[in-house]
Amino acid sequence: MQAKRIIPCLDVDDGRVVKGVKFKGIQDAGDPVEMARRYNGEGADELTFLDIGASYKSRATLLDVVRQVAAEVFIPLCVGGGIRTVEDMREAMNAGADKVSVCTAALQRPRLLSEMARAYGSQCVVLSIDAARSGPACWHAYSHGGRTDTGLDAVQWARRAVELGAGEILLNSIDADGTGAGYDLELTRRILEAVPVPVIASGGAGNLDQIAGVLLPPGAGEDWGNADAALVASMLHYGKTTLGEIKKHAQSRGVCVRW
């Protein structure tokens, strides 16, 4: 059985970790290097850094953070936000990233995914999908940090992106983000059914049962998501739980985790 991953997400703006609700109301949450060091020590399977400023200036600041973190921790690092070209990807990889995530740039120019996969391999290309419900069993992919509705069906976009070269999907539910109301399990299952690559569920974690649930396989209860990994931010940043507690609880619910 494939072990499920627990991944702390650090949204970085101007060199600080920040957090909001539904992509709004951004507040300071701490120092990224200090937090990365702590999460590495607690047993994080990976770390994700997202530059929410996404300007060239803020990305340069983020890459400095990545260099500092890469020198101290020994788990995979994913870097996203403001990655628009293969050269941007190269800078992130040279700074210490093991893979990069793209959202807006891939929506604007889907062939970028193929170019990135050719340069570094699909395993290094993560498609970040910011999705919000647009109707019954329908979600649209959003660009520009969740501000622009592209009108593109999120499930169809995931399928096309994998065909182009994306090796993993980072699925962000805008509706659930920062609410603590739980992951969008229906959306997670739809994306998983559509693509043959790992899917990371993101947005909405408010308690240990919700994190375990999004990782549980079919038949393990009513609330299951079967995601390959769960992204966690607020619960960790504000000291509501630890990675050890998350893994212990998930394991008690029947999730295979890494220790």
Protein backbone atom coordinates (compact mmCIF):
# COMPACT_ATOMS: atom_id res chain seq x y z
CA MET A 1 0.00 0.00 0.00
CA GLN A 2 1.31 3.42 -0.99
CA ALA A 3 2.00 5.63 2.02
CA LYS A 4 0.07 8.90 2.05
CA ARG A 5 1.95 12.19 2.48
CA ILE A 6 1.32 15.07 4.88
CA ILE A 7 2.67 18.31 3.40
CA PRO A 8 2.86 21.63 5.25
CA CYS A 9 2.16 24.54 2.91
CA LEU A 10 3.91 27.84 3.43
CA ASP A 11 2.33 30.73 1.53
CA VAL A 12 5.15 33.27 1.39
CA ASP A 13 4.79 36.99 0.71
CA ASP A 14 7.66 39.45 1.07
CA GLY A 15 9.73 36.87 2.94
CA ARG A 16 7.05 35.96 5.52
CA VAL A 17 4.58 33.09 5.82
CA VAL A 18 1.00 34.37 5.55
CA LYS A 19 -2.47 32.81 5.65
CA GLY A 20 -5.96 33.91 4.65
CA VAL A 21 -9.50 32.60 4.19
CA LYS A 22 -10.77 31.82 0.70
CA PHE A 23 -7.64 33.57 -0.64
CA LYS A 24 -8.53 36.82 1.19
CA GLY A 25 -7.80 38.51 4.54
CA ILE A 26 -4.07 37.70 4.46
CA GLN A 27 -2.32 37.75 7.85
CA ASP A 28 1.25 37.16 8.99
CA ALA A 29 1.91 33.62 10.28
CA GLY A 30 5.67 33.48 10.88
CA ASP A 31 9.21 33.09 9.59
CA PRO A 32 9.43 30.54 6.74
CA VAL A 33 12.92 29.21 7.54
CA GLU A 34 12.08 28.71 11.19
CA MET A 35 8.78 27.02 10.33
CA ALA A 36 10.36 24.79 7.69
CA ARG A 37 12.99 23.68 10.20
CA ARG A 38 10.27 22.82 12.71
CA TYR A 39 8.13 20.90 10.23
CA ASN A 40 11.14 18.96 8.99
CA GLY A 41 11.89 17.97 12.58
CA GLU A 42 8.28 16.93 13.17
CA GLY A 43 8.31 14.55 10.22
CA ALA A 44 6.87 16.40 7.22
CA ASP A 45 6.99 14.29 4.07
CA GLU A 46 7.49 17.32 1.85
CA LEU A 47 7.27 21.11 2.02
CA THR A 48 5.41 23.36 -0.39
CA PHE A 49 6.32 27.04 -0.79
CA LEU A 50 3.89 29.24 -2.68
CA ASP A 51 4.85 32.81 -3.56
CA ILE A 52 1.46 34.50 -3.31
CA GLY A 53 2.92 37.85 -4.38
CA ALA A 54 4.08 36.21 -7.61
CA SER A 55 5.99 39.26 -8.83
CA TYR A 56 9.59 39.00 -9.96
CA LYS A 57 10.69 40.80 -6.79
CA SER A 58 8.72 38.52 -4.47
CA ARG A 59 9.88 35.40 -6.32
CA ALA A 60 13.50 36.46 -5.83
CA THR A 61 12.76 36.82 -2.10
CA LEU A 62 11.14 33.37 -2.09
CA LEU A 63 14.13 31.78 -3.81
CA ASP A 64 16.39 33.20 -1.09
CA VAL A 65 14.13 31.47 1.45
CA VAL A 66 14.27 28.22 -0.54
CA ARG A 67 18.08 28.35 -0.58
CA GLN A 68 18.17 28.78 3.18
CA VAL A 69 15.70 25.96 3.75
CA ALA A 70 17.31 23.58 1.25
CA ALA A 71 20.57 23.90 3.17
CA GLU A 72 18.89 22.70 6.36
CA VAL A 73 16.19 20.16 5.50
CA PHE A 74 16.32 16.88 3.62
CA ILE A 75 12.79 16.40 2.33
CA PRO A 76 11.38 17.31 -1.10
CA LEU A 77 10.64 20.99 -1.68
CA CYS A 78 7.99 22.21 -4.11
CA VAL A 79 8.07 25.86 -5.14
CA GLY A 80 5.26 27.71 -6.89
CA GLY A 81 3.96 31.18 -7.65
CA GLY A 82 5.23 33.38 -10.46
CA ILE A 83 6.77 30.48 -12.43
CA ARG A 84 6.11 31.52 -16.01
CA THR A 85 8.92 30.00 -18.07
CA VAL A 86 11.35 27.10 -18.11
CA GLU A 87 14.00 29.61 -17.05
CA ASP A 88 11.93 30.47 -13.98
CA MET A 89 11.73 26.74 -13.25
CA ARG A 90 15.49 26.44 -13.67
CA GLU A 91 16.07 29.21 -11.14
CA ALA A 92 13.81 27.48 -8.62
CA MET A 93 15.48 24.10 -9.16
CA ASN A 94 18.93 25.66 -8.83
CA ALA A 95 17.81 27.28 -5.56
CA GLY A 96 17.01 23.84 -4.15
CA ALA A 97 13.49 23.00 -5.31
CA ASP A 98 12.83 19.37 -6.21
CA LYS A 99 9.75 20.30 -8.23
CA VAL A 100 7.75 23.38 -9.16
CA SER A 101 4.05 24.12 -9.35
CA VAL A 102 2.38 26.32 -11.94
CA CYS A 103 -1.16 27.63 -12.16
CA THR A 104 -1.87 30.85 -14.07
CA ALA A 105 1.00 30.52 -16.57
CA ALA A 106 -0.16 27.02 -17.56
CA LEU A 107 -3.74 28.21 -18.04
CA GLN A 108 -2.50 31.04 -20.25
CA ARG A 109 -0.09 28.82 -22.21
CA PRO A 110 -0.69 25.09 -21.67
CA ARG A 111 2.36 24.08 -23.73
CA LEU A 112 4.49 25.36 -20.86
CA LEU A 113 3.75 22.06 -19.09
CA SER A 114 5.27 20.11 -21.99
CA GLU A 115 8.33 22.37 -22.09
CA MET A 116 8.90 21.93 -18.36
CA ALA A 117 8.44 18.16 -18.55
CA ARG A 118 10.95 17.94 -21.40
CA ALA A 119 13.46 20.00 -19.44
CA TYR A 120 13.22 18.26 -16.06
CA GLY A 121 10.81 15.33 -16.33
CA SER A 122 7.11 15.10 -15.48
CA GLN A 123 7.92 14.18 -11.87
CA CYS A 124 9.14 17.76 -11.38
CA VAL A 125 6.03 19.41 -12.85
CA VAL A 126 3.09 20.04 -10.51
CA LEU A 127 -0.08 21.60 -11.90
CA SER A 128 -1.76 23.73 -9.25
CA ILE A 129 -5.51 24.01 -9.82
CA ASP A 130 -7.40 26.69 -7.89
CA ALA A 131 -10.98 25.51 -8.25
CA ALA A 132 -14.36 26.84 -7.12
CA ARG A 133 -17.77 25.28 -7.53
CA SER A 134 -19.77 26.75 -10.41
CA GLY A 135 -22.79 24.43 -10.19
CA PRO A 136 -23.84 20.89 -9.26
CA ALA A 137 -20.85 18.56 -9.79
CA CYS A 138 -19.05 21.35 -11.68
CA TRP A 139 -15.99 23.38 -10.77
CA HIS A 140 -14.12 26.06 -12.70
CA ALA A 141 -10.36 26.60 -12.71
CA TYR A 142 -9.33 30.07 -11.54
CA SER A 143 -6.19 32.04 -12.38
CA HIS A 144 -4.33 34.97 -10.78
CA GLY A 145 -4.47 33.71 -7.20
CA GLY A 146 -8.13 32.74 -7.32
CA ARG A 147 -9.28 36.11 -8.64
CA THR A 148 -10.17 35.25 -12.24
CA ASP A 149 -12.70 32.62 -13.31
CA THR A 150 -11.37 31.11 -16.54
CA GLY A 151 -14.66 29.31 -17.24
CA LEU A 152 -12.61 26.16 -17.81
CA ASP A 153 -13.92 22.95 -16.27
CA ALA A 154 -11.40 21.96 -13.59
CA VAL A 155 -11.69 18.20 -14.20
CA GLN A 156 -11.19 18.58 -17.96
CA TRP A 157 -8.25 20.91 -17.33
CA ALA A 158 -6.60 18.36 -15.03
CA ARG A 159 -6.98 15.65 -17.67
CA ARG A 160 -5.49 17.83 -20.43
CA ALA A 161 -2.63 19.03 -18.22
CA VAL A 162 -1.53 15.49 -17.45
CA GLU A 163 -1.57 14.66 -21.16
CA LEU A 164 0.71 17.67 -21.71
CA GLY A 165 3.22 16.62 -19.06
CA ALA A 166 2.06 17.44 -15.52
CA GLY A 167 3.19 14.69 -13.17
CA GLU A 168 1.14 15.70 -10.14
CA ILE A 169 -1.94 17.78 -9.33
CA LEU A 170 -2.08 20.22 -6.41
CA LEU A 171 -5.82 20.71 -5.99
CA ASN A 172 -6.82 23.85 -4.09
CA SER A 173 -10.50 24.31 -3.17
CA ILE A 174 -11.13 28.05 -3.08
CA ASP A 175 -14.51 27.46 -1.42
CA ALA A 176 -12.89 25.57 1.47
CA ASP A 177 -9.58 27.45 1.78
CA GLY A 178 -8.85 28.53 5.35
CA THR A 179 -12.43 27.82 6.52
CA GLY A 180 -11.66 24.76 8.63
CA ALA A 181 -14.84 23.18 7.23
CA GLY A 182 -13.01 20.28 5.58
CA TYR A 183 -11.64 19.46 2.16
CA ASP A 184 -13.92 19.35 -0.87
CA LEU A 185 -14.11 15.55 -1.03
CA GLU A 186 -16.38 15.45 -4.08
CA LEU A 187 -14.00 17.61 -6.10
CA THR A 188 -11.02 15.56 -4.90
CA ARG A 189 -12.65 12.30 -5.98
CA ARG A 190 -13.60 13.71 -9.40
CA ILE A 191 -10.04 14.79 -10.13
CA LEU A 192 -8.63 11.47 -8.91
CA GLU A 193 -10.98 9.57 -11.22
CA ALA A 194 -9.87 11.72 -14.15
CA VAL A 195 -6.07 11.46 -13.94
CA PRO A 196 -3.46 8.71 -13.43
CA VAL A 197 -1.04 10.91 -11.45
CA PRO A 198 -0.86 11.72 -7.71
CA VAL A 199 -3.33 14.30 -6.39
CA ILE A 200 -2.60 16.53 -3.39
CA ALA A 201 -5.75 17.79 -1.64
CA SER A 202 -5.61 21.36 -0.35
CA GLY A 203 -7.96 23.79 1.34
CA GLY A 204 -10.20 23.43 4.36
CA ALA A 205 -8.43 21.30 6.96
CA GLY A 206 -9.96 22.09 10.34
CA ASN A 207 -9.55 18.92 12.38
CA LEU A 208 -7.72 15.60 12.38
CA ASP A 209 -10.70 13.60 11.09
CA GLN A 210 -10.91 15.80 8.00
CA ILE A 211 -7.25 15.25 7.18
CA ALA A 212 -7.56 11.49 7.66
CA GLY A 213 -10.78 11.44 5.65
CA VAL A 214 -9.36 13.08 2.54
CA LEU A 215 -6.67 10.37 2.48
CA LEU A 216 -8.93 7.38 3.19
CA PRO A 217 -9.60 4.94 0.33
CA PRO A 218 -13.11 4.07 -0.92
CA GLY A 219 -15.11 1.92 1.44
CA ALA A 220 -13.39 3.27 4.55
CA GLY A 221 -16.45 5.23 5.65
CA GLU A 222 -18.74 7.95 4.34
CA ASP A 223 -16.18 10.73 4.19
CA TRP A 224 -13.28 9.58 2.06
CA GLY A 225 -11.19 11.33 -0.55
CA ASN A 226 -8.43 8.85 -1.47
CA ALA A 227 -5.99 11.71 -2.17
CA ASP A 228 -2.32 10.79 -2.36
CA ALA A 229 -1.37 13.63 -0.03
CA ALA A 230 -2.94 16.30 2.15
CA LEU A 231 -1.72 19.88 2.29
CA VAL A 232 -2.05 21.48 5.73
CA ALA A 233 -1.43 25.11 6.64
CA SER A 234 -3.45 26.96 9.32
CA MET A 235 -3.74 24.02 11.71
CA LEU A 236 0.04 23.71 11.82
CA HIS A 237 0.97 27.39 11.60
CA TYR A 238 -1.23 28.37 14.55
CA GLY A 239 -0.28 25.43 16.76
CA LYS A 240 -3.63 23.62 16.65
CA THR A 241 -1.87 20.32 15.99
CA THR A 242 1.47 18.78 15.01
CA LEU A 243 2.54 16.55 12.16
CA GLY A 244 3.00 13.71 14.64
CA GLU A 245 -0.58 14.05 15.86
CA ILE A 246 -1.89 14.20 12.29
CA LYS A 247 -0.05 11.02 11.32
CA LYS A 248 -0.97 9.16 14.50
CA HIS A 249 -4.66 9.94 14.02
CA ALA A 250 -4.61 9.14 10.31
CA GLN A 251 -2.98 5.80 11.03
CA SER A 252 -5.62 5.02 13.67
CA ARG A 253 -8.27 5.60 10.97
CA GLY A 254 -6.56 3.14 8.62
CA VAL A 255 -4.40 5.48 6.53
CA CYS A 256 -0.92 4.23 5.64
CA VAL A 257 1.49 7.04 6.60
CA ARG A 258 5.24 7.51 6.56
CA TRP A 259 7.15 7.69 9.87
